[in-house]
Structures are given as C-alpha cells and as structure tokens.
Amino acid sequence: GWCPLSPTGAQTTQLLVEPPWRPAVLWDRVTLTCQGSGTAGATTWYKDGQRWWQKGPYCFTVTESGTYMCDRPGTGLSPAISILNERLVLQLEARVLMEGDTVTLRCRG
C-alpha cells in the first residue's frame, strides 16, 4: 500500500487516513498512518480497545473494520478512527470545518 513519510517532531500522535473521507469505509482500501515522535518501528496499534500489533509499521492498509488507535513513544495515544463496513455511506471530506464553509457530501455504495 501507499505510505506517506512519517514526519518527526510532532507534539501529539495523530492518525492520517487515506483517502481523506469520513466516515472511512473498508472497501475504499483505507491506509492508516501513525504520525508522532520516536521511532516509526516502535508503533503500537490498538483495535477495538485491545492492543493488536506491537512494534508494528507506522503505516498499513486496513483489512478489517473496527476502531483503530496508535501509540508512539513520547507523544502517546492517537485519537480513535473508525473504519466501517457499510454497504451505503454518506461521506464528507475530512478537514476542519468552520461555520459558513461549503462542504461536499457524497453518497456511495
């Protein structure tokens, strides 16, 4: 799968989701990238609240629906991201929205 570079020096651990639509759906071949400080190879992944992959890669393509988080030494646990396995979904672009912004919605199935 496609993995962006993992930047160093981040203040918090974040999960980058590609493609950048919410909610994320399994059939989109979603890639999760854990960004934070420390060694990329020291990434710990959690799935549905349980430790799932210790010393895993900083990036992987999701093959199972669920709620994912990652942990990086120095910046801690990321916010959770849910990957759904729904047949029909209404999505919007994953970005910070302000009042008055124009948004694009897409209905996909």
N, C-alpha and C. Protein backbone atom coordinates (compact mmCIF):
# COMPACT_ATOMS: atom_id res chain seq x y z
N GLY A 1 0.81 -1.20 0.00
CA GLY A 1 0.00 0.00 0.00
C GLY A 1 0.85 1.26 0.00
N TRP A 2 0.19 2.37 -0.17
CA TRP A 2 0.85 3.67 -0.22
C TRP A 2 1.04 4.20 1.18
N CYS A 3 2.25 4.61 1.53
CA CYS A 3 2.53 5.17 2.85
C CYS A 3 3.28 6.49 2.70
N PRO A 4 2.75 7.57 3.27
CA PRO A 4 3.49 8.83 3.23
C PRO A 4 4.67 8.78 4.19
N LEU A 5 5.55 9.74 4.08
CA LEU A 5 6.65 9.84 5.03
C LEU A 5 6.08 10.12 6.41
N SER A 6 6.73 9.58 7.42
CA SER A 6 6.28 9.81 8.79
C SER A 6 7.08 10.96 9.37
N PRO A 7 6.47 12.15 9.51
CA PRO A 7 7.24 13.30 9.99
C PRO A 7 7.66 13.14 11.45
N THR A 8 8.78 13.72 11.79
CA THR A 8 9.27 13.67 13.16
C THR A 8 9.00 15.01 13.84
N GLY A 9 9.10 15.02 15.14
CA GLY A 9 8.95 16.25 15.88
C GLY A 9 7.52 16.64 16.18
N ALA A 10 6.56 15.77 15.91
CA ALA A 10 5.17 16.09 16.21
C ALA A 10 4.97 16.18 17.72
N GLN A 11 4.02 17.03 18.12
CA GLN A 11 3.74 17.23 19.55
C GLN A 11 2.74 16.22 20.09
N THR A 12 1.88 15.69 19.21
CA THR A 12 0.90 14.68 19.60
C THR A 12 0.90 13.58 18.55
N THR A 13 0.38 12.43 18.92
CA THR A 13 0.25 11.33 17.97
C THR A 13 -1.06 11.49 17.21
N GLN A 14 -0.99 11.39 15.90
CA GLN A 14 -2.17 11.54 15.05
C GLN A 14 -2.26 10.37 14.08
N LEU A 15 -3.50 10.06 13.69
CA LEU A 15 -3.73 9.06 12.65
C LEU A 15 -4.14 9.77 11.37
N LEU A 16 -3.40 9.54 10.31
CA LEU A 16 -3.73 10.08 8.99
C LEU A 16 -4.48 8.99 8.24
N VAL A 17 -5.61 9.35 7.64
CA VAL A 17 -6.45 8.39 6.92
C VAL A 17 -6.47 8.76 5.45
N GLU A 18 -6.18 7.80 4.60
CA GLU A 18 -6.19 7.99 3.16
C GLU A 18 -7.05 6.90 2.53
N PRO A 19 -8.06 7.20 1.70
CA PRO A 19 -8.46 8.52 1.24
C PRO A 19 -9.12 9.34 2.35
N PRO A 20 -9.09 10.68 2.21
CA PRO A 20 -9.48 11.57 3.31
C PRO A 20 -10.99 11.85 3.37
N TRP A 21 -11.81 10.81 3.49
CA TRP A 21 -13.26 10.96 3.60
C TRP A 21 -13.74 10.32 4.88
N ARG A 22 -14.77 10.93 5.50
CA ARG A 22 -15.35 10.39 6.73
C ARG A 22 -16.83 10.18 6.53
N PRO A 23 -17.40 9.10 7.03
CA PRO A 23 -16.66 8.03 7.69
C PRO A 23 -15.86 7.21 6.69
N ALA A 24 -14.77 6.64 7.16
CA ALA A 24 -13.94 5.78 6.32
C ALA A 24 -14.62 4.42 6.18
N VAL A 25 -14.55 3.85 4.99
CA VAL A 25 -15.17 2.54 4.74
C VAL A 25 -14.14 1.54 4.24
N LEU A 26 -14.30 0.31 4.67
CA LEU A 26 -13.34 -0.75 4.39
C LEU A 26 -13.09 -0.93 2.90
N TRP A 27 -14.14 -0.85 2.09
CA TRP A 27 -13.99 -1.12 0.66
C TRP A 27 -13.28 -0.01 -0.10
N ASP A 28 -12.86 1.05 0.59
CA ASP A 28 -12.05 2.12 -0.02
C ASP A 28 -10.56 1.81 0.04
N ARG A 29 -10.19 0.65 0.57
CA ARG A 29 -8.77 0.31 0.76
C ARG A 29 -8.06 1.41 1.56
N VAL A 30 -8.52 1.61 2.76
CA VAL A 30 -8.04 2.69 3.64
C VAL A 30 -6.64 2.39 4.14
N THR A 31 -5.78 3.40 4.09
CA THR A 31 -4.44 3.32 4.66
C THR A 31 -4.40 4.20 5.91
N LEU A 32 -3.94 3.64 7.02
CA LEU A 32 -3.74 4.39 8.25
C LEU A 32 -2.26 4.64 8.44
N THR A 33 -1.90 5.88 8.77
CA THR A 33 -0.52 6.25 9.04
C THR A 33 -0.45 6.88 10.41
N CYS A 34 0.42 6.35 11.26
CA CYS A 34 0.60 6.87 12.61
C CYS A 34 1.73 7.89 12.59
N GLN A 35 1.41 9.13 12.97
CA GLN A 35 2.40 10.20 12.96
C GLN A 35 2.65 10.66 14.39
N GLY A 36 3.92 10.71 14.77
CA GLY A 36 4.29 11.15 16.11
C GLY A 36 5.79 11.11 16.27
N SER A 37 6.24 11.37 17.48
CA SER A 37 7.69 11.36 17.72
C SER A 37 8.17 9.94 17.97
N GLY A 38 9.47 9.81 18.08
CA GLY A 38 10.05 8.50 18.35
C GLY A 38 10.27 7.71 17.07
N THR A 39 10.68 6.47 17.24
CA THR A 39 10.99 5.59 16.12
C THR A 39 9.72 5.06 15.49
N ALA A 40 9.61 5.16 14.15
CA ALA A 40 8.41 4.68 13.46
C ALA A 40 8.17 3.20 13.73
N GLY A 41 9.25 2.41 13.87
CA GLY A 41 9.12 0.99 14.12
C GLY A 41 8.66 0.65 15.53
N ALA A 42 8.55 1.66 16.39
CA ALA A 42 8.09 1.42 17.76
C ALA A 42 6.59 1.68 17.90
N THR A 43 5.88 1.72 16.79
CA THR A 43 4.45 1.99 16.80
C THR A 43 3.67 0.81 17.36
N THR A 44 2.77 1.08 18.29
CA THR A 44 1.85 0.06 18.80
C THR A 44 0.45 0.42 18.32
N TRP A 45 -0.26 -0.56 17.76
CA TRP A 45 -1.60 -0.36 17.24
C TRP A 45 -2.62 -1.00 18.16
N TYR A 46 -3.77 -0.35 18.28
CA TYR A 46 -4.90 -0.86 19.06
C TYR A 46 -6.10 -0.97 18.13
N LYS A 47 -6.84 -2.06 18.29
CA LYS A 47 -8.06 -2.27 17.52
C LYS A 47 -9.18 -2.61 18.49
N ASP A 48 -10.27 -1.85 18.42
CA ASP A 48 -11.43 -2.06 19.29
C ASP A 48 -11.03 -2.11 20.77
N GLY A 49 -10.10 -1.22 21.16
CA GLY A 49 -9.71 -1.07 22.56
C GLY A 49 -8.69 -2.07 23.07
N GLN A 50 -8.23 -2.99 22.23
CA GLN A 50 -7.25 -4.01 22.64
C GLN A 50 -5.94 -3.81 21.89
N ARG A 51 -4.82 -4.06 22.59
CA ARG A 51 -3.54 -4.00 21.88
C ARG A 51 -3.56 -5.07 20.80
N TRP A 52 -3.21 -4.68 19.58
CA TRP A 52 -3.43 -5.52 18.42
C TRP A 52 -2.13 -5.83 17.66
N TRP A 53 -1.18 -4.86 17.67
CA TRP A 53 0.04 -5.04 16.88
C TRP A 53 1.15 -4.23 17.54
N GLN A 54 2.04 -4.94 18.24
CA GLN A 54 3.13 -4.26 18.93
C GLN A 54 4.35 -4.23 18.03
N LYS A 55 5.07 -3.11 18.06
CA LYS A 55 6.22 -2.88 17.18
C LYS A 55 5.83 -3.08 15.73
N GLY A 56 4.64 -2.58 15.39
CA GLY A 56 4.16 -2.67 14.02
C GLY A 56 4.71 -1.56 13.16
N PRO A 57 4.36 -1.56 11.88
CA PRO A 57 4.79 -0.49 10.99
C PRO A 57 4.04 0.80 11.31
N TYR A 58 4.55 1.92 10.85
CA TYR A 58 3.86 3.18 11.10
C TYR A 58 2.68 3.35 10.16
N CYS A 59 2.56 2.48 9.16
CA CYS A 59 1.53 2.63 8.14
C CYS A 59 1.10 1.25 7.63
N PHE A 60 -0.21 1.07 7.40
CA PHE A 60 -0.69 -0.18 6.82
C PHE A 60 -2.06 0.03 6.17
N THR A 61 -2.44 -0.92 5.31
CA THR A 61 -3.76 -0.90 4.68
C THR A 61 -4.70 -1.75 5.52
N VAL A 62 -5.83 -1.17 5.89
CA VAL A 62 -6.80 -1.83 6.77
C VAL A 62 -7.51 -2.96 6.03
N THR A 63 -7.63 -4.12 6.67
CA THR A 63 -8.33 -5.26 6.08
C THR A 63 -9.54 -5.70 6.89
N GLU A 64 -9.74 -5.10 8.07
CA GLU A 64 -10.88 -5.44 8.92
C GLU A 64 -11.50 -4.15 9.44
N SER A 65 -12.84 -4.11 9.49
CA SER A 65 -13.50 -2.95 10.07
C SER A 65 -13.22 -2.93 11.57
N GLY A 66 -13.34 -1.77 12.18
CA GLY A 66 -13.11 -1.63 13.60
C GLY A 66 -12.68 -0.21 13.93
N THR A 67 -12.36 -0.01 15.21
CA THR A 67 -11.89 1.29 15.69
C THR A 67 -10.41 1.17 16.01
N TYR A 68 -9.60 2.00 15.37
CA TYR A 68 -8.14 1.92 15.46
C TYR A 68 -7.55 3.13 16.17
N MET A 69 -6.48 2.87 16.93
CA MET A 69 -5.65 3.92 17.53
C MET A 69 -4.21 3.44 17.43
N CYS A 70 -3.28 4.39 17.53
CA CYS A 70 -1.87 4.01 17.57
C CYS A 70 -1.19 4.76 18.70
N ASP A 71 -0.06 4.22 19.12
CA ASP A 71 0.71 4.80 20.21
C ASP A 71 2.16 4.93 19.75
N ARG A 72 2.72 6.12 20.00
CA ARG A 72 4.13 6.34 19.69
C ARG A 72 4.83 6.82 20.95
N PRO A 73 6.03 6.29 21.25
CA PRO A 73 6.76 6.73 22.43
C PRO A 73 7.00 8.24 22.38
N GLY A 74 6.71 8.92 23.45
CA GLY A 74 6.96 10.35 23.52
C GLY A 74 5.74 11.21 23.27
N THR A 75 4.83 10.75 22.39
CA THR A 75 3.62 11.55 22.12
C THR A 75 2.33 10.82 22.48
N GLY A 76 2.43 9.55 22.82
CA GLY A 76 1.27 8.84 23.36
C GLY A 76 0.27 8.34 22.34
N LEU A 77 -0.96 8.16 22.83
CA LEU A 77 -2.03 7.54 22.07
C LEU A 77 -2.73 8.54 21.15
N SER A 78 -3.05 8.09 19.96
CA SER A 78 -3.75 8.93 18.98
C SER A 78 -5.25 8.95 19.27
N PRO A 79 -5.97 9.90 18.67
CA PRO A 79 -7.43 9.79 18.67
C PRO A 79 -7.85 8.53 17.90
N ALA A 80 -9.05 8.04 18.18
CA ALA A 80 -9.56 6.83 17.52
C ALA A 80 -10.15 7.15 16.15
N ILE A 81 -9.99 6.21 15.22
CA ILE A 81 -10.59 6.31 13.89
C ILE A 81 -11.38 5.02 13.67
N SER A 82 -12.64 5.17 13.27
CA SER A 82 -13.48 4.00 12.96
C SER A 82 -13.49 3.75 11.46
N ILE A 83 -13.30 2.49 11.10
CA ILE A 83 -13.40 2.05 9.71
C ILE A 83 -14.65 1.17 9.63
N LEU A 84 -15.61 1.61 8.84
CA LEU A 84 -16.89 0.91 8.75
C LEU A 84 -16.90 -0.09 7.60
N ASN A 85 -17.81 -1.05 7.70
CA ASN A 85 -18.03 -1.99 6.60
C ASN A 85 -19.50 -1.92 6.19
N GLU A 86 -19.92 -0.70 5.83
CA GLU A 86 -21.31 -0.45 5.45
C GLU A 86 -21.45 -0.52 3.93
N ARG A 87 -22.62 -0.93 3.46
CA ARG A 87 -22.85 -1.02 2.02
C ARG A 87 -23.17 0.34 1.41
N LEU A 88 -23.74 1.23 2.20
CA LEU A 88 -24.10 2.57 1.73
C LEU A 88 -23.65 3.59 2.77
N VAL A 89 -22.98 4.65 2.33
CA VAL A 89 -22.45 5.62 3.29
C VAL A 89 -22.51 7.04 2.71
N LEU A 90 -22.85 8.00 3.57
CA LEU A 90 -22.82 9.41 3.21
C LEU A 90 -21.53 9.98 3.79
N GLN A 91 -20.65 10.46 2.93
CA GLN A 91 -19.33 10.91 3.36
C GLN A 91 -19.14 12.40 3.13
N LEU A 92 -18.25 12.99 3.93
CA LEU A 92 -17.77 14.33 3.68
C LEU A 92 -16.26 14.33 3.80
N GLU A 93 -15.63 15.32 3.16
CA GLU A 93 -14.18 15.41 3.17
C GLU A 93 -13.67 15.65 4.58
N ALA A 94 -12.63 14.92 4.95
CA ALA A 94 -12.07 15.01 6.29
C ALA A 94 -11.16 16.23 6.39
N ARG A 95 -11.72 17.32 6.89
CA ARG A 95 -10.94 18.54 7.13
C ARG A 95 -11.65 19.33 8.21
N VAL A 96 -10.96 20.30 8.74
CA VAL A 96 -11.55 21.15 9.77
C VAL A 96 -12.58 22.06 9.10
N LEU A 97 -13.80 22.06 9.64
CA LEU A 97 -14.87 22.87 9.07
C LEU A 97 -15.18 24.05 9.97
N MET A 98 -15.42 25.19 9.34
CA MET A 98 -15.82 26.39 10.05
C MET A 98 -17.23 26.77 9.59
N GLU A 99 -17.95 27.46 10.45
CA GLU A 99 -19.28 27.91 10.08
C GLU A 99 -19.22 28.75 8.81
N GLY A 100 -20.11 28.42 7.88
CA GLY A 100 -20.14 29.14 6.60
C GLY A 100 -19.37 28.45 5.49
N ASP A 101 -18.56 27.44 5.81
CA ASP A 101 -17.81 26.71 4.80
C ASP A 101 -18.77 25.96 3.87
N THR A 102 -18.39 25.83 2.62
CA THR A 102 -19.11 24.97 1.68
C THR A 102 -18.52 23.57 1.79
N VAL A 103 -19.39 22.59 1.93
CA VAL A 103 -18.91 21.21 2.04
C VAL A 103 -19.47 20.38 0.90
N THR A 104 -18.70 19.36 0.53
CA THR A 104 -19.14 18.41 -0.47
C THR A 104 -19.50 17.11 0.23
N LEU A 105 -20.73 16.66 0.00
CA LEU A 105 -21.17 15.36 0.52
C LEU A 105 -21.21 14.39 -0.64
N ARG A 106 -20.91 13.14 -0.36
CA ARG A 106 -21.08 12.14 -1.42
C ARG A 106 -21.72 10.89 -0.84
N CYS A 107 -22.68 10.38 -1.59
CA CYS A 107 -23.39 9.17 -1.20
C CYS A 107 -22.80 8.04 -2.03
N ARG A 108 -22.28 7.02 -1.35
CA ARG A 108 -21.57 5.96 -2.06
C ARG A 108 -22.05 4.60 -1.60
N GLY A 109 -22.04 3.67 -2.51
CA GLY A 109 -22.44 2.31 -2.18
C GLY A 109 -21.81 1.32 -3.11
